[in-house]
Amino acid sequence: MSDKVKELGAAEFDAAIASGTVLVDFWAPWCGPCKMQGPILDKVAGKIGDKAVIAKVNVDESPALAAKFGVRSIPTLILFKNGQKVRDFIGVQQEAALVEILTA
């Protein structure tokens, strides 16, 4: 994980999504597709700069957060704008599509 992608837990989650655009990756270390998504998110974070924040939530460490947002399979990426859930994406998402969504 690059220093551009923040690791979030339950304690800091609400503050992290409160303002601006935040893309949160719900993942787990044992998840194969999640391992594919990680490097893609690192590249996206490098391309979008300050337009959005990219964060990760380990579902094994924060199961209540995963349950709160209805995460049933991973990776699930959820887009928040000013604290409100806008859209979710199930499965591995490609770099170009994420860059487009986050810079639109």
N, C-alpha and C. Protein backbone atom coordinates (compact mmCIF):
# COMPACT_ATOMS: atom_id res chain seq x y z
N MET A 1 0.85 -1.19 0.00
CA MET A 1 0.00 0.00 0.00
C MET A 1 0.89 1.24 0.00
N SER A 2 0.57 2.18 -0.85
CA SER A 2 1.38 3.40 -0.93
C SER A 2 0.98 4.36 0.18
N ASP A 3 1.79 5.38 0.37
CA ASP A 3 1.47 6.39 1.39
C ASP A 3 0.33 7.30 0.93
N LYS A 4 -0.12 7.14 -0.32
CA LYS A 4 -1.23 7.94 -0.83
C LYS A 4 -2.59 7.31 -0.49
N VAL A 5 -2.57 6.06 -0.10
CA VAL A 5 -3.80 5.35 0.25
C VAL A 5 -3.83 5.18 1.77
N LYS A 6 -4.90 5.71 2.39
CA LYS A 6 -5.00 5.70 3.85
C LYS A 6 -5.66 4.42 4.34
N GLU A 7 -5.15 3.88 5.44
CA GLU A 7 -5.79 2.74 6.10
C GLU A 7 -6.73 3.32 7.16
N LEU A 8 -8.00 2.92 7.11
CA LEU A 8 -8.99 3.44 8.06
C LEU A 8 -9.54 2.33 8.94
N GLY A 9 -9.81 2.68 10.18
CA GLY A 9 -10.52 1.82 11.10
C GLY A 9 -11.80 2.52 11.54
N ALA A 10 -12.55 1.88 12.38
CA ALA A 10 -13.83 2.44 12.82
C ALA A 10 -13.67 3.79 13.50
N ALA A 11 -12.59 3.98 14.26
CA ALA A 11 -12.40 5.20 15.03
C ALA A 11 -12.29 6.45 14.16
N GLU A 12 -11.61 6.33 13.02
CA GLU A 12 -11.39 7.52 12.19
C GLU A 12 -12.26 7.56 10.93
N PHE A 13 -13.09 6.55 10.72
CA PHE A 13 -13.83 6.43 9.47
C PHE A 13 -14.75 7.62 9.20
N ASP A 14 -15.61 7.95 10.15
CA ASP A 14 -16.59 9.02 9.92
C ASP A 14 -15.92 10.36 9.62
N ALA A 15 -14.85 10.67 10.33
CA ALA A 15 -14.14 11.92 10.09
C ALA A 15 -13.49 11.91 8.70
N ALA A 16 -12.98 10.74 8.29
CA ALA A 16 -12.28 10.64 7.00
C ALA A 16 -13.21 10.86 5.81
N ILE A 17 -14.47 10.43 5.93
CA ILE A 17 -15.39 10.58 4.80
C ILE A 17 -16.27 11.82 4.89
N ALA A 18 -16.12 12.60 5.95
CA ALA A 18 -17.03 13.71 6.22
C ALA A 18 -17.04 14.79 5.15
N SER A 19 -15.90 15.08 4.53
CA SER A 19 -15.88 16.15 3.53
C SER A 19 -15.09 15.72 2.30
N GLY A 20 -15.52 16.24 1.17
CA GLY A 20 -14.84 15.95 -0.08
C GLY A 20 -15.24 14.59 -0.65
N THR A 21 -14.46 14.13 -1.61
CA THR A 21 -14.70 12.87 -2.29
C THR A 21 -13.73 11.83 -1.74
N VAL A 22 -14.29 10.71 -1.29
CA VAL A 22 -13.47 9.65 -0.71
C VAL A 22 -13.91 8.31 -1.31
N LEU A 23 -12.95 7.56 -1.83
CA LEU A 23 -13.21 6.22 -2.33
C LEU A 23 -12.63 5.24 -1.32
N VAL A 24 -13.50 4.39 -0.76
CA VAL A 24 -13.07 3.45 0.27
C VAL A 24 -13.12 2.03 -0.28
N ASP A 25 -12.00 1.34 -0.17
CA ASP A 25 -11.85 -0.05 -0.59
C ASP A 25 -12.02 -0.94 0.63
N PHE A 26 -13.09 -1.74 0.64
CA PHE A 26 -13.29 -2.74 1.69
C PHE A 26 -12.61 -4.02 1.21
N TRP A 27 -11.64 -4.51 1.97
CA TRP A 27 -10.77 -5.59 1.52
C TRP A 27 -10.35 -6.47 2.69
N ALA A 28 -9.61 -7.53 2.38
CA ALA A 28 -8.99 -8.39 3.39
C ALA A 28 -7.68 -8.94 2.83
N PRO A 29 -6.69 -9.18 3.69
CA PRO A 29 -5.39 -9.65 3.22
C PRO A 29 -5.42 -11.01 2.53
N TRP A 30 -6.39 -11.85 2.85
CA TRP A 30 -6.48 -13.20 2.27
C TRP A 30 -7.24 -13.23 0.94
N CYS A 31 -7.76 -12.10 0.51
CA CYS A 31 -8.61 -12.02 -0.69
C CYS A 31 -7.75 -11.81 -1.94
N GLY A 32 -7.78 -12.79 -2.85
CA GLY A 32 -6.99 -12.71 -4.08
C GLY A 32 -7.31 -11.49 -4.93
N PRO A 33 -8.59 -11.27 -5.27
CA PRO A 33 -8.93 -10.08 -6.07
C PRO A 33 -8.55 -8.77 -5.37
N CYS A 34 -8.59 -8.76 -4.04
CA CYS A 34 -8.20 -7.56 -3.29
C CYS A 34 -6.73 -7.25 -3.52
N LYS A 35 -5.92 -8.30 -3.63
CA LYS A 35 -4.49 -8.12 -3.89
C LYS A 35 -4.26 -7.52 -5.27
N MET A 36 -5.16 -7.81 -6.21
CA MET A 36 -5.06 -7.20 -7.54
C MET A 36 -5.50 -5.74 -7.50
N GLN A 37 -6.52 -5.44 -6.68
CA GLN A 37 -7.07 -4.08 -6.61
C GLN A 37 -6.08 -3.10 -5.96
N GLY A 38 -5.31 -3.56 -4.98
CA GLY A 38 -4.40 -2.68 -4.25
C GLY A 38 -3.46 -1.86 -5.12
N PRO A 39 -2.68 -2.51 -6.02
CA PRO A 39 -1.77 -1.73 -6.87
C PRO A 39 -2.50 -0.78 -7.82
N ILE A 40 -3.71 -1.16 -8.24
CA ILE A 40 -4.52 -0.28 -9.10
C ILE A 40 -4.86 0.99 -8.33
N LEU A 41 -5.27 0.84 -7.07
CA LEU A 41 -5.61 2.01 -6.26
C LEU A 41 -4.40 2.90 -6.01
N ASP A 42 -3.22 2.29 -5.85
CA ASP A 42 -2.00 3.09 -5.69
C ASP A 42 -1.77 3.97 -6.92
N LYS A 43 -1.96 3.39 -8.11
CA LYS A 43 -1.78 4.16 -9.35
C LYS A 43 -2.82 5.27 -9.47
N VAL A 44 -4.07 4.94 -9.13
CA VAL A 44 -5.16 5.94 -9.20
C VAL A 44 -4.84 7.09 -8.25
N ALA A 45 -4.41 6.77 -7.05
CA ALA A 45 -4.08 7.81 -6.06
C ALA A 45 -3.00 8.75 -6.60
N GLY A 46 -2.03 8.20 -7.30
CA GLY A 46 -0.98 9.01 -7.89
C GLY A 46 -1.48 9.92 -8.99
N LYS A 47 -2.49 9.47 -9.73
CA LYS A 47 -3.00 10.25 -10.86
C LYS A 47 -4.00 11.33 -10.46
N ILE A 48 -4.79 11.09 -9.42
CA ILE A 48 -5.87 12.04 -9.09
C ILE A 48 -5.41 13.16 -8.18
N GLY A 49 -4.26 13.03 -7.55
CA GLY A 49 -3.75 14.09 -6.69
C GLY A 49 -4.70 14.42 -5.56
N ASP A 50 -5.05 15.70 -5.43
CA ASP A 50 -5.90 16.15 -4.33
C ASP A 50 -7.40 16.15 -4.66
N LYS A 51 -7.78 15.62 -5.81
CA LYS A 51 -9.19 15.64 -6.20
C LYS A 51 -10.05 14.72 -5.33
N ALA A 52 -9.43 13.69 -4.76
CA ALA A 52 -10.16 12.74 -3.92
C ALA A 52 -9.17 12.04 -3.01
N VAL A 53 -9.71 11.40 -1.98
CA VAL A 53 -8.92 10.59 -1.06
C VAL A 53 -9.26 9.13 -1.33
N ILE A 54 -8.25 8.29 -1.32
CA ILE A 54 -8.48 6.85 -1.45
C ILE A 54 -8.08 6.21 -0.13
N ALA A 55 -8.98 5.38 0.40
CA ALA A 55 -8.74 4.75 1.69
C ALA A 55 -9.12 3.28 1.62
N LYS A 56 -8.62 2.52 2.58
CA LYS A 56 -8.90 1.09 2.65
C LYS A 56 -9.40 0.75 4.05
N VAL A 57 -10.36 -0.19 4.10
CA VAL A 57 -10.85 -0.71 5.37
C VAL A 57 -10.71 -2.23 5.33
N ASN A 58 -9.95 -2.77 6.26
CA ASN A 58 -9.79 -4.21 6.38
C ASN A 58 -11.05 -4.77 7.05
N VAL A 59 -11.82 -5.58 6.31
CA VAL A 59 -13.10 -6.07 6.83
C VAL A 59 -12.92 -7.03 8.00
N ASP A 60 -11.76 -7.67 8.11
CA ASP A 60 -11.50 -8.55 9.26
C ASP A 60 -11.29 -7.74 10.53
N GLU A 61 -10.71 -6.55 10.39
CA GLU A 61 -10.45 -5.70 11.56
C GLU A 61 -11.63 -4.78 11.88
N SER A 62 -12.48 -4.49 10.88
CA SER A 62 -13.62 -3.59 11.09
C SER A 62 -14.90 -4.20 10.51
N PRO A 63 -15.33 -5.35 11.05
CA PRO A 63 -16.52 -6.00 10.49
C PRO A 63 -17.80 -5.17 10.63
N ALA A 64 -17.88 -4.34 11.66
CA ALA A 64 -19.08 -3.52 11.84
C ALA A 64 -19.22 -2.48 10.73
N LEU A 65 -18.09 -1.92 10.27
CA LEU A 65 -18.14 -0.96 9.16
C LEU A 65 -18.61 -1.65 7.89
N ALA A 66 -18.08 -2.84 7.63
CA ALA A 66 -18.48 -3.58 6.44
C ALA A 66 -19.98 -3.87 6.50
N ALA A 67 -20.47 -4.26 7.66
CA ALA A 67 -21.89 -4.56 7.81
C ALA A 67 -22.74 -3.30 7.64
N LYS A 68 -22.28 -2.19 8.18
CA LYS A 68 -23.02 -0.92 8.10
C LYS A 68 -23.30 -0.53 6.65
N PHE A 69 -22.34 -0.81 5.76
CA PHE A 69 -22.49 -0.42 4.36
C PHE A 69 -22.88 -1.59 3.46
N GLY A 70 -23.29 -2.70 4.06
CA GLY A 70 -23.81 -3.82 3.29
C GLY A 70 -22.77 -4.53 2.43
N VAL A 71 -21.52 -4.52 2.86
CA VAL A 71 -20.46 -5.18 2.09
C VAL A 71 -20.61 -6.69 2.27
N ARG A 72 -20.93 -7.38 1.18
CA ARG A 72 -21.12 -8.82 1.23
C ARG A 72 -20.02 -9.59 0.51
N SER A 73 -19.35 -8.94 -0.42
CA SER A 73 -18.22 -9.57 -1.10
C SER A 73 -17.14 -8.52 -1.25
N ILE A 74 -15.91 -8.99 -1.33
CA ILE A 74 -14.79 -8.07 -1.44
C ILE A 74 -13.94 -8.44 -2.65
N PRO A 75 -13.28 -7.48 -3.28
CA PRO A 75 -13.29 -6.07 -2.89
C PRO A 75 -14.59 -5.36 -3.26
N THR A 76 -15.03 -4.50 -2.37
CA THR A 76 -16.12 -3.57 -2.65
C THR A 76 -15.57 -2.18 -2.44
N LEU A 77 -15.71 -1.33 -3.44
CA LEU A 77 -15.29 0.06 -3.32
C LEU A 77 -16.54 0.93 -3.21
N ILE A 78 -16.55 1.82 -2.24
CA ILE A 78 -17.69 2.71 -2.05
C ILE A 78 -17.21 4.15 -2.18
N LEU A 79 -17.93 4.91 -3.02
CA LEU A 79 -17.62 6.31 -3.24
C LEU A 79 -18.50 7.16 -2.33
N PHE A 80 -17.86 8.02 -1.54
CA PHE A 80 -18.55 8.95 -0.65
C PHE A 80 -18.27 10.37 -1.10
N LYS A 81 -19.30 11.21 -1.04
CA LYS A 81 -19.13 12.64 -1.27
C LYS A 81 -19.73 13.37 -0.08
N ASN A 82 -18.89 14.12 0.63
CA ASN A 82 -19.30 14.86 1.82
C ASN A 82 -20.08 13.99 2.80
N GLY A 83 -19.55 12.79 3.04
CA GLY A 83 -20.12 11.90 4.04
C GLY A 83 -21.26 11.02 3.57
N GLN A 84 -21.75 11.24 2.35
CA GLN A 84 -22.88 10.47 1.83
C GLN A 84 -22.41 9.42 0.84
N LYS A 85 -22.93 8.22 0.97
CA LYS A 85 -22.61 7.16 0.01
C LYS A 85 -23.25 7.51 -1.33
N VAL A 86 -22.44 7.52 -2.39
CA VAL A 86 -22.90 7.91 -3.71
C VAL A 86 -23.06 6.68 -4.62
N ARG A 87 -22.08 5.78 -4.53
CA ARG A 87 -22.06 4.66 -5.46
C ARG A 87 -21.16 3.57 -4.90
N ASP A 88 -21.48 2.32 -5.24
CA ASP A 88 -20.54 1.27 -4.88
C ASP A 88 -20.20 0.40 -6.08
N PHE A 89 -19.05 -0.22 -5.97
CA PHE A 89 -18.49 -1.03 -7.05
C PHE A 89 -18.08 -2.37 -6.45
N ILE A 90 -18.57 -3.45 -7.02
CA ILE A 90 -18.26 -4.78 -6.52
C ILE A 90 -17.23 -5.42 -7.45
N GLY A 91 -16.19 -6.00 -6.86
CA GLY A 91 -15.15 -6.66 -7.66
C GLY A 91 -14.05 -5.69 -8.05
N VAL A 92 -13.05 -6.24 -8.74
CA VAL A 92 -11.88 -5.44 -9.13
C VAL A 92 -12.28 -4.40 -10.17
N GLN A 93 -11.88 -3.16 -9.91
CA GLN A 93 -12.18 -2.04 -10.80
C GLN A 93 -10.90 -1.60 -11.50
N GLN A 94 -11.03 -1.21 -12.75
CA GLN A 94 -9.86 -0.83 -13.54
C GLN A 94 -9.45 0.63 -13.28
N GLU A 95 -8.17 0.87 -13.45
CA GLU A 95 -7.58 2.18 -13.19
C GLU A 95 -8.27 3.31 -13.96
N ALA A 96 -8.43 3.15 -15.26
CA ALA A 96 -9.00 4.22 -16.10
C ALA A 96 -10.42 4.60 -15.64
N ALA A 97 -11.22 3.60 -15.31
CA ALA A 97 -12.60 3.87 -14.89
C ALA A 97 -12.61 4.63 -13.56
N LEU A 98 -11.76 4.24 -12.64
CA LEU A 98 -11.72 4.92 -11.33
C LEU A 98 -11.21 6.34 -11.46
N VAL A 99 -10.19 6.54 -12.27
CA VAL A 99 -9.67 7.90 -12.49
C VAL A 99 -10.77 8.79 -13.07
N GLU A 100 -11.49 8.27 -14.04
CA GLU A 100 -12.58 9.03 -14.66
C GLU A 100 -13.66 9.41 -13.65
N ILE A 101 -14.06 8.47 -12.82
CA ILE A 101 -15.10 8.71 -11.83
C ILE A 101 -14.64 9.76 -10.79
N LEU A 102 -13.39 9.66 -10.37
CA LEU A 102 -12.89 10.53 -9.31
C LEU A 102 -12.49 11.92 -9.78
N THR A 103 -12.30 12.09 -11.08
CA THR A 103 -11.92 13.41 -11.58
C THR A 103 -13.06 14.11 -12.32
N ALA A 104 -14.20 13.46 -12.40
CA ALA A 104 -15.35 14.02 -13.14
C ALA A 104 -15.96 15.19 -12.36
